[in-house]
Protein backbone atom coordinates (compact mmCIF):
# COMPACT_ATOMS: atom_id res chain seq x y z
CA UNK A 1 -36.22 -172.50 56.24
CA UNK A 2 -38.73 -169.39 56.63
CA UNK A 3 -41.42 -171.60 54.90
CA UNK A 4 -41.55 -173.27 58.39
CA UNK A 5 -42.59 -170.26 60.07
CA UNK A 6 -45.45 -169.14 57.50
CA UNK A 7 -46.79 -172.28 57.04
CA UNK A 8 -46.62 -173.66 60.52
CA UNK A 9 -49.79 -174.54 62.66
CA UNK A 10 -50.41 -172.02 65.70
CA UNK A 11 -48.49 -173.78 68.34
CA UNK A 12 -47.83 -172.95 72.26
CA UNK A 13 -44.65 -171.21 71.59
CA UNK A 14 -46.90 -168.95 69.35
CA UNK A 15 -49.05 -168.14 72.11
CA UNK A 16 -46.29 -167.49 74.80
CA UNK A 17 -44.52 -165.20 72.57
CA UNK A 18 -47.69 -163.14 71.40
CA UNK A 19 -48.75 -163.06 75.12
CA UNK A 20 -44.94 -161.88 76.27
CA UNK A 21 -45.34 -159.02 73.89
CA UNK A 22 -48.67 -158.07 74.25
CA UNK A 23 -48.12 -157.79 77.65
CA UNK A 24 -45.24 -155.66 76.96
CA UNK A 25 -47.77 -153.40 75.09
CA UNK A 26 -49.99 -153.43 77.84
CA UNK A 27 -47.77 -151.58 80.07
CA UNK A 28 -46.61 -149.42 77.35
CA UNK A 29 -50.48 -148.47 77.25
CA UNK A 30 -50.35 -148.38 81.12
CA UNK A 31 -47.74 -145.41 81.00
CA UNK A 32 -49.34 -143.10 78.47
CA UNK A 33 -52.89 -143.47 79.35
CA UNK A 34 -52.28 -142.94 83.52
CA UNK A 35 -51.30 -139.36 82.65
CA UNK A 36 -54.59 -138.66 81.43
CA UNK A 37 -56.30 -139.65 84.75
CA UNK A 38 -53.96 -138.01 86.74
CA UNK A 39 -53.03 -134.72 85.28
CA UNK A 40 -55.53 -132.80 87.59
CA UNK A 41 -53.00 -134.12 90.34
CA UNK A 42 -49.99 -133.05 88.66
CA UNK A 43 -51.59 -129.26 87.52
CA UNK A 44 -52.27 -128.66 91.42
CA UNK A 45 -48.81 -129.80 92.91
CA UNK A 46 -46.81 -128.31 90.58
CA UNK A 47 -49.22 -125.29 90.00
CA UNK A 48 -49.35 -125.94 86.10
CA UNK A 49 -51.98 -124.33 83.69
CA UNK A 50 -53.68 -125.93 81.14
CA UNK A 51 -50.64 -124.86 78.71
CA UNK A 52 -48.45 -126.50 80.59
CA UNK A 53 -50.52 -129.37 80.75
CA UNK A 54 -50.60 -129.64 76.97
CA UNK A 55 -46.79 -129.01 77.19
CA UNK A 56 -46.87 -132.17 79.05
CA UNK A 57 -48.28 -134.28 76.23
CA UNK A 58 -46.22 -132.53 73.51
CA UNK A 59 -42.67 -133.16 75.05
CA UNK A 60 -44.15 -136.62 75.66
CA UNK A 61 -44.82 -137.05 71.95
CA UNK A 62 -41.27 -135.32 70.96
CA UNK A 63 -40.06 -138.20 73.17
CA UNK A 64 -41.89 -141.28 71.25
CA UNK A 65 -40.99 -140.22 68.02
CA UNK A 66 -37.50 -139.70 69.14
CA UNK A 67 -37.27 -143.07 70.66
CA UNK A 68 -38.87 -144.96 67.87
CA UNK A 69 -36.81 -143.47 65.51
CA UNK A 70 -33.53 -144.32 67.39
CA UNK A 71 -34.39 -147.34 68.93
CA UNK A 72 -36.18 -148.87 65.56
CA UNK A 73 -32.85 -148.39 63.51
CA UNK A 74 -30.70 -150.28 66.89
CA UNK A 75 -33.39 -153.14 66.49
CA UNK A 76 -32.77 -153.69 63.25
CA UNK A 77 -28.55 -153.45 64.20
CA UNK A 78 -28.88 -155.72 67.13
CA UNK A 79 -31.98 -157.54 67.53
CA UNK A 80 -35.68 -157.00 68.37
CA UNK A 81 -35.23 -159.49 71.80
CA UNK A 82 -32.59 -156.84 72.99
CA UNK A 83 -34.37 -153.84 72.44
CA UNK A 84 -37.59 -155.34 73.58
CA UNK A 85 -35.66 -156.03 77.00
CA UNK A 86 -34.05 -152.73 76.84
CA UNK A 87 -36.60 -150.08 76.38
CA UNK A 88 -39.21 -152.00 78.82
CA UNK A 89 -36.36 -151.25 81.34
CA UNK A 90 -35.70 -147.27 80.22
CA UNK A 91 -39.32 -146.73 80.27
CA UNK A 92 -40.13 -148.08 83.79
CA UNK A 93 -36.92 -147.28 85.43
CA UNK A 94 -37.86 -143.25 84.17
CA UNK A 95 -41.50 -144.06 85.13
CA UNK A 96 -40.70 -144.63 88.82
CA UNK A 97 -37.88 -141.68 89.08
CA UNK A 98 -40.99 -139.15 87.77
CA UNK A 99 -43.19 -140.55 90.39
CA UNK A 100 -40.14 -138.98 93.08
CA UNK A 101 -39.41 -135.67 90.44
CA UNK A 102 -39.51 -132.80 93.04
CA UNK A 103 -40.38 -130.19 90.78
CA UNK A 104 -42.04 -129.37 87.03
CA UNK A 105 -38.50 -129.48 85.53
CA UNK A 106 -37.80 -133.04 86.98
CA UNK A 107 -40.76 -134.38 85.70
CA UNK A 108 -40.69 -133.17 82.35
CA UNK A 109 -37.04 -134.77 81.91
CA UNK A 110 -38.18 -138.14 83.48
CA UNK A 111 -41.25 -138.29 81.32
CA UNK A 112 -39.58 -137.71 78.20
CA UNK A 113 -37.03 -139.84 78.58
CA UNK A 114 -39.76 -142.54 79.72
CA UNK A 115 -41.44 -141.60 76.32
CA UNK A 116 -38.25 -142.42 74.76
CA UNK A 117 -38.48 -146.06 76.17
CA UNK A 118 -42.28 -146.51 75.27
CA UNK A 119 -40.99 -145.28 71.32
CA UNK A 120 -38.82 -147.99 70.95
CA UNK A 121 -41.45 -150.38 72.49
CA UNK A 122 -43.83 -149.35 69.57
CA UNK A 123 -40.64 -150.62 66.82
CA UNK A 124 -39.31 -153.60 69.04
CA UNK A 125 -43.03 -155.28 69.26
CA UNK A 126 -44.40 -154.25 65.97
CA UNK A 127 -41.57 -155.98 64.31
CA UNK A 128 -40.98 -158.86 66.33
CA UNK A 129 -45.03 -159.79 66.12
CA UNK A 130 -45.03 -160.01 62.72
CA UNK A 131 -41.91 -162.09 61.97
CA UNK A 132 -43.13 -165.11 64.42
CA UNK A 133 -46.21 -165.43 62.92
CA UNK A 134 -47.46 -167.84 60.37
CA UNK A 135 -48.78 -166.31 57.59
CA UNK A 136 -52.60 -167.32 57.70
CA UNK A 137 -52.76 -166.26 61.17
CA UNK A 138 -50.50 -162.79 60.91
CA UNK A 139 -53.56 -160.06 60.87
CA UNK A 140 -55.40 -161.83 63.86
CA UNK A 141 -52.22 -162.46 66.15
CA UNK A 142 -51.08 -159.04 65.35
CA UNK A 143 -54.26 -157.24 65.81
CA UNK A 144 -54.58 -158.95 69.16
CA UNK A 145 -51.60 -158.60 70.60
CA UNK A 146 -51.76 -154.81 69.82
CA UNK A 147 -55.71 -154.95 71.51
CA UNK A 148 -53.15 -155.51 74.73
CA UNK A 149 -53.00 -151.32 74.26
CA UNK A 150 -56.68 -151.52 75.58
CA UNK A 151 -56.13 -153.62 78.46
CA UNK A 152 -53.26 -151.35 79.71
CA UNK A 153 -55.98 -148.51 79.33
CA UNK A 154 -58.60 -150.51 81.57
CA UNK A 155 -55.10 -151.07 83.95
CA UNK A 156 -54.59 -147.56 83.79
CA UNK A 157 -57.89 -146.53 85.25
CA UNK A 158 -58.60 -149.17 87.41
CA UNK A 159 -55.29 -147.79 89.14
CA UNK A 160 -56.15 -144.90 89.33
CA UNK A 161 -59.55 -145.43 91.13
CA UNK A 162 -57.76 -147.72 93.23
CA UNK A 163 -55.04 -145.57 94.63
CA UNK A 164 -55.96 -141.89 94.16
CA UNK A 165 -60.58 -142.48 94.27
CA UNK A 166 -60.62 -145.18 96.93
CA UNK A 167 -57.18 -144.53 99.53
CA UNK A 168 -56.97 -140.67 98.38
CA UNK A 169 -52.92 -141.11 97.51
CA UNK A 170 -51.34 -138.63 95.31
CA UNK A 171 -50.51 -139.46 91.92
CA UNK A 172 -47.41 -140.00 92.53
CA UNK A 173 -48.06 -143.58 93.96
CA UNK A 174 -49.57 -144.67 90.53
CA UNK A 175 -46.13 -143.94 88.77
CA UNK A 176 -44.66 -146.30 90.97
CA UNK A 177 -46.71 -149.29 88.72
CA UNK A 178 -43.10 -149.07 86.66
CA UNK A 179 -41.56 -151.13 89.08
CA UNK A 180 -43.66 -153.57 87.58
CA UNK A 181 -42.73 -153.06 84.04
CA UNK A 182 -39.15 -153.38 85.30
CA UNK A 183 -39.87 -156.78 86.89
CA UNK A 184 -41.25 -157.93 83.95
CA UNK A 185 -38.67 -156.85 81.74
CA UNK A 186 -36.31 -159.07 83.53
CA UNK A 187 -38.66 -162.08 82.90
CA UNK A 188 -39.38 -161.10 79.00
CA UNK A 189 -36.08 -161.77 78.06
CA UNK A 190 -36.59 -166.04 79.09
CA UNK A 191 -40.06 -165.84 76.79
CA UNK A 192 -39.23 -164.17 73.81
CA UNK A 193 -36.41 -165.52 71.59
CA UNK A 194 -34.71 -163.43 68.92
CA UNK A 195 -36.60 -163.19 65.37
CA UNK A 196 -35.07 -165.82 63.43
CA UNK A 197 -36.07 -163.93 60.49
CA UNK A 198 -33.51 -161.34 61.96
CA UNK A 199 -31.14 -163.63 62.51
CA UNK A 200 -31.20 -165.05 59.18
CA UNK A 201 -30.86 -161.08 57.95
CA UNK A 202 -27.49 -160.84 60.11
CA UNK A 203 -26.09 -164.22 58.17
CA UNK A 204 -26.57 -166.28 61.65
CA UNK A 205 -28.68 -169.19 59.87
CA UNK A 206 -27.48 -171.89 62.36
CA UNK A 207 -29.06 -170.18 65.12
CA UNK A 208 -32.25 -169.13 63.06
CA UNK A 209 -32.85 -172.84 62.48
CA UNK A 210 -32.67 -173.44 66.36
CA UNK A 211 -35.14 -170.56 67.03
CA UNK A 212 -37.61 -171.92 64.36
CA UNK A 213 -37.13 -175.62 65.32
CA UNK A 214 -37.97 -174.29 68.80
CA UNK A 215 -41.45 -172.62 67.94
CA UNK A 216 -42.68 -175.13 65.17
CA UNK A 217 -41.04 -178.36 66.40
CA UNK A 218 -40.30 -178.85 62.70
CA UNK A 219 -36.10 -179.70 61.62
CA UNK A 220 -35.00 -179.32 58.58
CA UNK A 221 -32.46 -181.18 57.17
CA UNK A 222 -31.43 -178.13 54.73
CA UNK A 223 -31.44 -175.73 57.83
CA UNK A 224 -32.29 -172.17 57.52
CA UNK A 225 -32.08 -171.47 53.92
CA UNK A 226 -32.04 -167.85 52.92
CA UNK A 227 -34.50 -166.24 50.44
CA UNK A 228 -34.02 -164.11 47.33
CA UNK A 229 -31.65 -161.27 48.90
CA UNK A 230 -33.59 -157.83 48.90
CA UNK A 231 -32.11 -154.39 47.36
CA UNK A 232 -29.66 -153.10 49.60
CA UNK A 233 -27.67 -150.27 49.88
CA UNK A 234 -26.97 -147.50 51.73
CA UNK A 235 -28.28 -146.55 55.02
CA UNK A 236 -31.68 -147.97 56.46
CA UNK A 237 -33.26 -144.74 56.13
CA UNK A 238 -31.54 -143.90 52.59
CA UNK A 239 -32.76 -147.65 51.33
CA UNK A 240 -36.23 -146.99 52.70
CA UNK A 241 -36.45 -143.85 50.96
CA UNK A 242 -34.89 -144.82 47.73
CA UNK A 243 -36.94 -148.39 47.11
CA UNK A 244 -39.82 -148.67 49.69
CA UNK A 245 -40.91 -145.00 49.73
CA UNK A 246 -44.34 -145.85 48.52
CA UNK A 247 -44.59 -148.10 52.33
CA UNK A 248 -42.81 -145.63 53.95
CA UNK A 249 -45.75 -142.90 53.04
CA UNK A 250 -48.13 -145.13 53.61
CA UNK A 251 -46.88 -145.77 57.21
CA UNK A 252 -46.27 -142.29 57.78
CA UNK A 253 -49.69 -141.29 56.79
CA UNK A 254 -52.02 -143.89 58.67
CA UNK A 255 -49.73 -143.53 61.73
CA UNK A 256 -50.14 -139.71 61.30
CA UNK A 257 -53.72 -139.89 61.35
CA UNK A 258 -54.11 -142.20 64.00
CA UNK A 259 -52.10 -140.52 66.69
CA UNK A 260 -53.55 -136.91 65.93
CA UNK A 261 -57.07 -138.66 66.14
CA UNK A 262 -56.47 -141.03 69.03
CA UNK A 263 -54.39 -138.97 71.38
CA UNK A 264 -56.42 -135.92 69.73
CA UNK A 265 -59.85 -137.78 71.66
CA UNK A 266 -58.32 -138.39 74.85
CA UNK A 267 -57.25 -135.04 75.15
CA UNK A 268 -60.29 -133.31 73.91
CA UNK A 269 -62.28 -135.27 76.21
CA UNK A 270 -60.18 -134.83 79.63
CA UNK A 271 -59.25 -131.36 79.00
CA UNK A 272 -62.34 -129.55 77.25
CA UNK A 273 -65.16 -131.87 77.59
CA UNK A 274 -64.70 -133.29 81.17
CA UNK A 275 -62.56 -130.62 82.76
CA UNK A 276 -64.31 -130.29 86.23
CA UNK A 277 -62.65 -126.67 85.82
CA UNK A 278 -63.04 -125.60 82.41
CA UNK A 279 -64.90 -128.73 80.64
CA UNK A 280 -67.80 -128.42 78.37
CA UNK A 281 -70.28 -131.14 80.03
CA UNK A 282 -67.70 -131.15 83.89
CA UNK A 283 -67.42 -134.18 85.74
CA UNK A 284 -65.56 -134.33 89.00
CA UNK A 285 -61.92 -135.45 88.70
CA UNK A 286 -62.66 -138.45 91.11
CA UNK A 287 -65.24 -139.51 88.53
CA UNK A 288 -63.02 -139.08 85.42
CA UNK A 289 -60.74 -142.30 85.23
CA UNK A 290 -64.51 -144.01 85.53
CA UNK A 291 -65.08 -142.55 82.46
CA UNK A 292 -61.94 -143.43 81.08
CA UNK A 293 -62.71 -147.27 82.26
CA UNK A 294 -65.46 -147.42 80.32
CA UNK A 295 -64.08 -145.83 76.93
CA UNK A 296 -61.22 -148.64 76.78
CA UNK A 297 -64.42 -151.29 77.33
CA UNK A 298 -65.21 -150.34 73.93
CA UNK A 299 -61.89 -149.87 72.44
CA UNK A 300 -60.78 -153.30 73.67
CA UNK A 301 -64.08 -154.48 72.02
CA UNK A 302 -63.19 -152.87 68.67
CA UNK A 303 -59.39 -153.96 68.74
CA UNK A 304 -60.76 -157.59 69.05
CA UNK A 305 -63.17 -156.85 66.04
CA UNK A 306 -60.44 -156.05 63.83
CA UNK A 307 -57.94 -158.06 64.61
CA UNK A 308 -60.38 -160.97 63.25
CA UNK A 309 -61.33 -158.77 60.45
CA UNK A 310 -58.12 -158.80 59.06
CA UNK A 311 -57.29 -161.86 57.83
CA UNK A 312 -61.36 -162.25 57.38
CA UNK A 313 -61.95 -159.63 55.21
CA UNK A 314 -58.38 -158.43 54.64
CA UNK A 315 -56.21 -155.57 55.00
CA UNK A 316 -57.38 -152.79 53.04
CA UNK A 317 -61.03 -152.92 53.47
CA UNK A 318 -60.10 -153.16 57.32
CA UNK A 319 -58.30 -150.00 57.05
CA UNK A 320 -60.45 -147.74 55.03
CA UNK A 321 -63.58 -148.95 57.19
CA UNK A 322 -61.91 -148.56 60.30
CA UNK A 323 -60.57 -144.90 59.82
CA UNK A 324 -63.85 -143.74 58.08
CA UNK A 325 -65.54 -144.93 61.05
CA UNK A 326 -63.28 -143.17 63.51
CA UNK A 327 -63.76 -140.25 61.47
CA UNK A 328 -67.54 -139.97 61.86
CA UNK A 329 -67.60 -141.25 65.41
CA UNK A 330 -66.07 -137.67 66.36
CA UNK A 331 -68.91 -135.95 64.54
CA UNK A 332 -70.82 -138.01 67.12
CA UNK A 333 -69.00 -136.94 69.97
CA UNK A 334 -69.80 -132.99 68.89
CA UNK A 335 -73.15 -133.85 68.66
CA UNK A 336 -73.28 -135.66 72.20
CA UNK A 337 -71.44 -133.02 73.88
CA UNK A 338 -73.59 -129.85 72.47
CA UNK A 339 -76.22 -131.99 74.07
CA UNK A 340 -74.82 -131.25 77.72
CA UNK A 341 -75.54 -134.52 78.61
CA UNK A 342 -72.77 -136.60 80.69
CA UNK A 343 -74.43 -140.16 79.63
CA UNK A 344 -74.57 -139.15 76.26
CA UNK A 345 -71.30 -137.95 75.97
CA UNK A 346 -69.97 -141.29 77.98
CA UNK A 347 -71.84 -143.30 74.78
CA UNK A 348 -70.69 -141.12 72.10
CA UNK A 349 -66.87 -141.06 73.76
CA UNK A 350 -67.05 -145.20 74.36
CA UNK A 351 -68.38 -145.49 70.44
CA UNK A 352 -65.08 -143.17 69.35
CA UNK A 353 -62.72 -145.24 71.42
CA UNK A 354 -63.79 -148.47 69.70
CA UNK A 355 -63.86 -147.20 66.03
CA UNK A 356 -60.14 -145.25 66.93
CA UNK A 357 -59.07 -148.67 68.15
CA UNK A 358 -60.12 -150.22 65.00
CA UNK A 359 -58.07 -148.02 62.85
CA UNK A 360 -54.94 -147.61 64.90
CA UNK A 361 -54.86 -151.58 65.64
CA UNK A 362 -55.56 -152.11 61.56
CA UNK A 363 -52.71 -150.03 61.05
CA UNK A 364 -49.60 -151.09 62.89
CA UNK A 365 -49.89 -154.69 61.12
CA UNK A 366 -50.87 -153.41 57.94
CA UNK A 367 -47.83 -151.41 57.38
CA UNK A 368 -45.39 -153.52 59.14
CA UNK A 369 -45.35 -156.27 57.38
CA UNK A 370 -44.84 -154.45 54.05
CA UNK A 371 -41.07 -153.64 54.86
CA UNK A 372 -38.48 -156.13 54.36
CA UNK A 373 -37.09 -157.75 57.38
CA UNK A 374 -33.73 -156.05 57.33
CA UNK A 375 -35.48 -152.44 57.53
CA UNK A 376 -39.04 -153.39 59.34
CA UNK A 377 -38.10 -151.92 62.77
CA UNK A 378 -36.64 -148.67 60.94
CA UNK A 379 -39.62 -148.47 58.93
CA UNK A 380 -41.81 -148.75 61.57
CA UNK A 381 -40.23 -146.61 63.81
CA UNK A 382 -39.89 -143.89 60.88
CA UNK A 383 -43.83 -143.78 60.24
CA UNK A 384 -44.21 -143.89 64.23
CA UNK A 385 -42.11 -140.95 64.47
CA UNK A 386 -44.25 -138.77 62.20
CA UNK A 387 -47.17 -140.26 63.67
CA UNK A 388 -46.29 -138.47 66.87
CA UNK A 389 -45.86 -135.09 65.00
CA UNK A 390 -49.02 -135.98 64.08
CA UNK A 391 -50.05 -135.95 67.60
CA UNK A 392 -48.26 -132.77 68.52
CA UNK A 393 -49.85 -130.97 65.30
CA UNK A 394 -52.93 -132.31 67.45
CA UNK A 395 -52.60 -131.63 70.48
CA UNK A 396 -51.79 -127.72 69.56
CA UNK A 397 -54.55 -127.50 66.79
CA UNK A 398 -57.04 -128.85 69.40
CA UNK A 399 -56.23 -126.28 71.94
CA UNK A 400 -56.31 -123.61 69.70
CA UNK A 401 -59.50 -124.48 67.92
CA UNK A 402 -61.44 -125.47 71.18
CA UNK A 403 -60.28 -122.06 72.72
CA UNK A 404 -61.29 -119.82 69.44
CA UNK A 405 -63.95 -121.62 68.12
CA UNK A 406 -65.80 -124.20 69.93
CA UNK A 407 -65.66 -127.54 71.58
CA UNK A 408 -67.62 -128.81 68.42
CA UNK A 409 -64.99 -127.35 65.95
CA UNK A 410 -62.55 -129.05 67.94
CA UNK A 411 -64.47 -132.59 66.89
CA UNK A 412 -64.70 -131.74 63.18
CA UNK A 413 -60.93 -130.91 63.48
CA UNK A 414 -60.52 -134.27 64.89
CA UNK A 415 -62.89 -136.16 62.05
CA UNK A 416 -60.48 -134.44 59.69
CA UNK A 417 -57.46 -136.25 61.33
CA UNK A 418 -59.30 -139.13 60.52
CA UNK A 419 -60.06 -138.89 57.13
CA UNK A 420 -56.20 -138.49 56.31
CA UNK A 421 -55.71 -141.84 57.34
CA UNK A 422 -58.80 -143.04 55.06
CA UNK A 423 -57.62 -141.69 52.08
CA UNK A 424 -54.41 -143.16 52.63
CA UNK A 425 -56.41 -146.59 52.69
CA UNK A 426 -58.18 -145.86 49.79
CA UNK A 427 -55.30 -144.76 47.74
CA UNK A 428 -53.36 -148.36 48.90
CA UNK A 429 -56.41 -150.29 48.16
CA UNK A 430 -56.20 -149.25 44.58
CA UNK A 431 -52.48 -149.15 44.33
CA UNK A 432 -51.27 -151.49 47.38
CA UNK A 433 -50.46 -155.29 48.22
CA UNK A 434 -53.57 -156.95 50.18
CA UNK A 435 -50.81 -158.79 52.39
CA UNK A 436 -53.90 -161.67 53.45
CA UNK A 437 -52.69 -165.01 53.40
CA UNK A 438 -49.28 -164.11 52.06
CA UNK A 439 -45.59 -164.95 53.69
CA UNK A 440 -43.41 -161.85 54.48
CA UNK A 441 -40.80 -163.50 52.15
CA UNK A 442 -43.52 -162.59 48.81
CA UNK A 443 -44.36 -158.96 50.31
CA UNK A 444 -40.72 -158.32 50.52
CA UNK A 445 -40.42 -159.18 46.79
CA UNK A 446 -43.69 -157.77 45.66
CA UNK A 447 -43.02 -154.60 43.18
CA UNK A 448 -43.13 -151.38 45.62
CA UNK A 449 -46.28 -149.17 44.63
CA UNK A 450 -47.51 -145.60 44.98
CA UNK A 451 -43.90 -144.65 44.44
CA UNK A 452 -43.02 -141.01 43.53
């Protein structure tokens, strides 16, 4: 029965699965953040202006949106494990191809394919970790898996420093790290079993029972018994829209807010604050990875803190406090940038990365666990897809505001993006389900709030 998963003590198998998924998430983060450190080299080699550099990010976010939605639907159809491995291989091989791109046009094509794979990882990893974890540990373990993202950011900074600053090599060598991701994809299929909840949702009860026994060490004479069936009917997106609309809106609002705010923060810092060519507080291209490294250490601390808060204080207060803190930290960045002081800007950037990571790490475990098992990856994919549109809108608006008005106005806009998530968290606090300590089965059968 699913109760063995929900009420099990934490076992070595849980640690193995969480770590394996976390490493996959870390490698995703590397691919996302490495561009921020090497974009000056790409611009120089291909003769790109600032507008074309922004287009690289826009194409990236469009690819993630489509990958999250398409591969998310597939993860509900063919399984979490298969999509986790497939998407890992897709983006790692495409990253290697990007390193050999002979022109800007080829680079953009390979970058788009890389983004498709990373988007699929969002859906596969976020869905899978919720479905293996005991109820009492679900928020903390999910949050800690998400925090591997900051480790990926730290890794990308270190690789950039080593490859570009220390050895003076081309940006192309940094993208060859995709070979490591490809090798890990082949290993990961041995480390992560298929989700027993997904297997049961497809009627494969014997396989589900075997995985539960492997993870928990507990056998049941009844085998895996299905809980009461959730509402089904129509396609996955249609069912989400008809029966889980409030949950879907909640996930979309949180992801739109964090994507526009988080990616906007790093773009703002690399292009409009630290840029050696036109930044408000310019630094050398060689120093940029060091600044990102320090900021990602702050992000790591934020992720660890919020992961514990999710089970200690609950999802609702954690989400609201994290998003509100992220909004306020953007104003701190504006104030620091206006002084022209590099140390002050670095401190403000690190604090902002801390709260921004608190916000998005609180978001994924919170909205993903609200969706029924047979729709979870699709729900996550739809939320991420809308979120990446937030990132696209954010990239365009930030550039327009920074050029037409000022860097201060740009950070005020970022603060407004984060307030969207704080407002959504406030509505959910009043009308939504607090998932702390509840099983996924209880959440599936709970009334759907905020339905319009």
